[in-house]
C-alpha cells in the first residue's frame, strides 16, 4: 500500500507541475500585454473595460483564485509526510512577481495585477 501512496503522491506532484506550466504561460502572456490607456489612468476606469484591461483582469483572477491554490494544494499533498516539513518551496509566486513584474496580490487591494506606469 505504501508503494501505491508514493505513486499517487508522485502523480499529484506532476499534476502540480503541469498546472504550474499553464500558470507561467499565462504570466508570460500578461507580461507581453501592453498597458492600455484605461489601465494607466484612474479617470478612464469608469464604464466597460477595454480589451487589455478585461484580459488582464480575468486572467489574473483565474491565476490567483484557481491555479495558485491548486498548485499550492497539490504540491503540499504531494510532498506530505507526517511529522516532516514540506520539501518544495510553495512560494514560487514571489519569484514570478519579480520575473514578470506581476503583482498577484493586487487583486486583493483592487489593483490590476501590474505595477502602474505613470502616464
Protein backbone atom coordinates (compact mmCIF):
# COMPACT_ATOMS: atom_id res chain seq x y z
CA UNK A 1 0.00 0.00 0.00
CA UNK A 2 2.88 2.39 0.72
CA UNK A 3 4.09 2.00 -2.88
CA UNK A 4 0.65 2.93 -4.18
CA UNK A 5 0.51 6.03 -1.96
CA UNK A 6 4.02 7.04 -3.08
CA UNK A 7 2.97 6.71 -6.72
CA UNK A 8 -0.20 8.73 -6.18
CA UNK A 9 1.81 11.47 -4.47
CA UNK A 10 4.30 11.44 -7.35
CA UNK A 11 1.45 11.84 -9.84
CA UNK A 12 -0.05 14.67 -7.77
CA UNK A 13 3.33 16.42 -7.92
CA UNK A 14 3.38 16.01 -11.70
CA UNK A 15 -0.13 17.47 -11.87
CA UNK A 16 1.03 20.47 -9.84
CA UNK A 17 3.95 20.92 -12.25
CA UNK A 18 1.58 20.78 -15.24
CA UNK A 19 -0.67 23.44 -13.72
CA UNK A 20 2.42 25.49 -12.89
CA UNK A 21 3.33 25.38 -16.59
CA UNK A 22 -0.08 26.79 -17.50
CA UNK A 23 0.35 29.43 -14.80
CA UNK A 24 3.71 30.52 -16.27
CA UNK A 25 2.29 30.51 -19.78
CA UNK A 26 -0.48 32.89 -18.68
CA UNK A 27 2.03 35.04 -16.80
CA UNK A 28 4.10 35.34 -19.96
CA UNK A 29 1.09 36.40 -21.97
CA UNK A 30 0.21 39.04 -19.38
CA UNK A 31 3.79 40.31 -19.32
CA UNK A 32 3.59 40.81 -23.09
CA UNK A 33 0.21 42.57 -22.90
CA UNK A 34 0.76 46.33 -23.00
CA UNK A 35 -0.98 48.58 -20.52
CA UNK A 36 -3.97 50.24 -22.11
CA UNK A 37 -4.81 53.92 -21.61
CA UNK A 38 -7.66 52.79 -19.37
CA UNK A 39 -5.19 50.99 -17.09
CA UNK A 40 -2.83 53.96 -16.99
CA UNK A 41 -5.36 56.45 -15.68
CA UNK A 42 -7.93 56.03 -12.93
CA UNK A 43 -10.04 58.58 -14.79
CA UNK A 44 -10.52 56.07 -17.62
CA UNK A 45 -11.65 53.21 -15.34
CA UNK A 46 -15.34 54.14 -15.48
CA UNK A 47 -17.60 52.20 -17.85
CA UNK A 48 -16.89 48.99 -19.69
CA UNK A 49 -13.27 47.87 -19.58
CA UNK A 50 -11.29 47.82 -22.80
CA UNK A 51 -9.96 44.51 -24.11
CA UNK A 52 -6.49 44.61 -22.50
CA UNK A 53 -7.98 45.56 -19.13
CA UNK A 54 -10.55 42.76 -19.29
CA UNK A 55 -7.96 40.21 -20.49
CA UNK A 56 -5.61 41.15 -17.65
CA UNK A 57 -8.35 41.19 -15.04
CA UNK A 58 -9.90 37.83 -15.92
CA UNK A 59 -6.55 36.10 -16.44
CA UNK A 60 -5.21 37.35 -13.10
CA UNK A 61 -8.38 36.19 -11.37
CA UNK A 62 -8.00 32.71 -12.85
CA UNK A 63 -4.31 32.62 -11.91
CA UNK A 64 -4.81 33.91 -8.38
CA UNK A 65 -8.17 32.34 -7.46
CA UNK A 66 -7.88 28.93 -9.13
CA UNK A 67 -4.42 27.99 -10.40
CA UNK A 68 -2.39 29.31 -7.47
CA UNK A 69 -4.42 27.41 -4.80
CA UNK A 70 -4.44 24.28 -6.97
CA UNK A 71 -0.66 24.37 -7.35
CA UNK A 72 -0.08 25.00 -3.66
CA UNK A 73 -2.54 22.33 -2.56
CA UNK A 74 -1.27 19.66 -4.94
CA UNK A 75 2.38 20.42 -4.17
CA UNK A 76 1.67 20.33 -0.46
CA UNK A 77 -0.07 16.97 -0.57
CA UNK A 78 2.47 15.51 -3.00
CA UNK A 79 5.23 16.35 -0.53
CA UNK A 80 3.30 15.48 2.61
CA UNK A 81 4.97 13.16 5.07
CA UNK A 82 3.58 13.07 8.61
CA UNK A 83 5.87 14.94 11.00
CA UNK A 84 8.13 16.37 8.27
CA UNK A 85 8.26 19.91 6.84
CA UNK A 86 7.37 20.38 3.15
CA UNK A 87 10.25 19.81 0.74
CA UNK A 88 9.14 22.17 -2.05
CA UNK A 89 9.00 25.94 -1.95
CA UNK A 90 5.29 26.79 -2.19
CA UNK A 91 6.01 30.48 -2.86
CA UNK A 92 7.39 30.43 -6.39
CA UNK A 93 4.84 33.21 -6.88
CA UNK A 94 7.26 35.74 -5.35
CA UNK A 95 9.83 34.73 -7.95
CA UNK A 96 7.23 35.04 -10.70
CA UNK A 97 6.31 38.51 -9.48
CA UNK A 98 9.94 39.58 -9.79
CA UNK A 99 10.48 37.99 -13.21
CA UNK A 100 7.35 39.30 -14.91
CA UNK A 101 6.56 42.35 -12.79
CA UNK A 102 3.17 40.91 -11.90
CA UNK A 103 1.66 41.74 -8.55
CA UNK A 104 -0.71 38.86 -7.89
CA UNK A 105 -1.69 40.29 -4.53
CA UNK A 106 -3.00 43.45 -6.17
CA UNK A 107 -6.32 41.72 -6.74
CA UNK A 108 -6.96 41.77 -3.03
CA UNK A 109 -6.47 45.53 -2.97
CA UNK A 110 -8.41 46.32 -6.11
CA UNK A 111 -5.35 46.70 -8.35
CA UNK A 112 -5.00 45.46 -11.88
CA UNK A 113 -2.20 42.96 -11.39
CA UNK A 114 0.66 45.04 -12.72
CA UNK A 115 2.54 47.90 -11.20
CA UNK A 116 1.07 51.00 -12.73
CA UNK A 117 3.11 53.10 -15.05
CA UNK A 118 2.75 56.82 -14.79
CA UNK A 119 1.00 58.41 -17.81
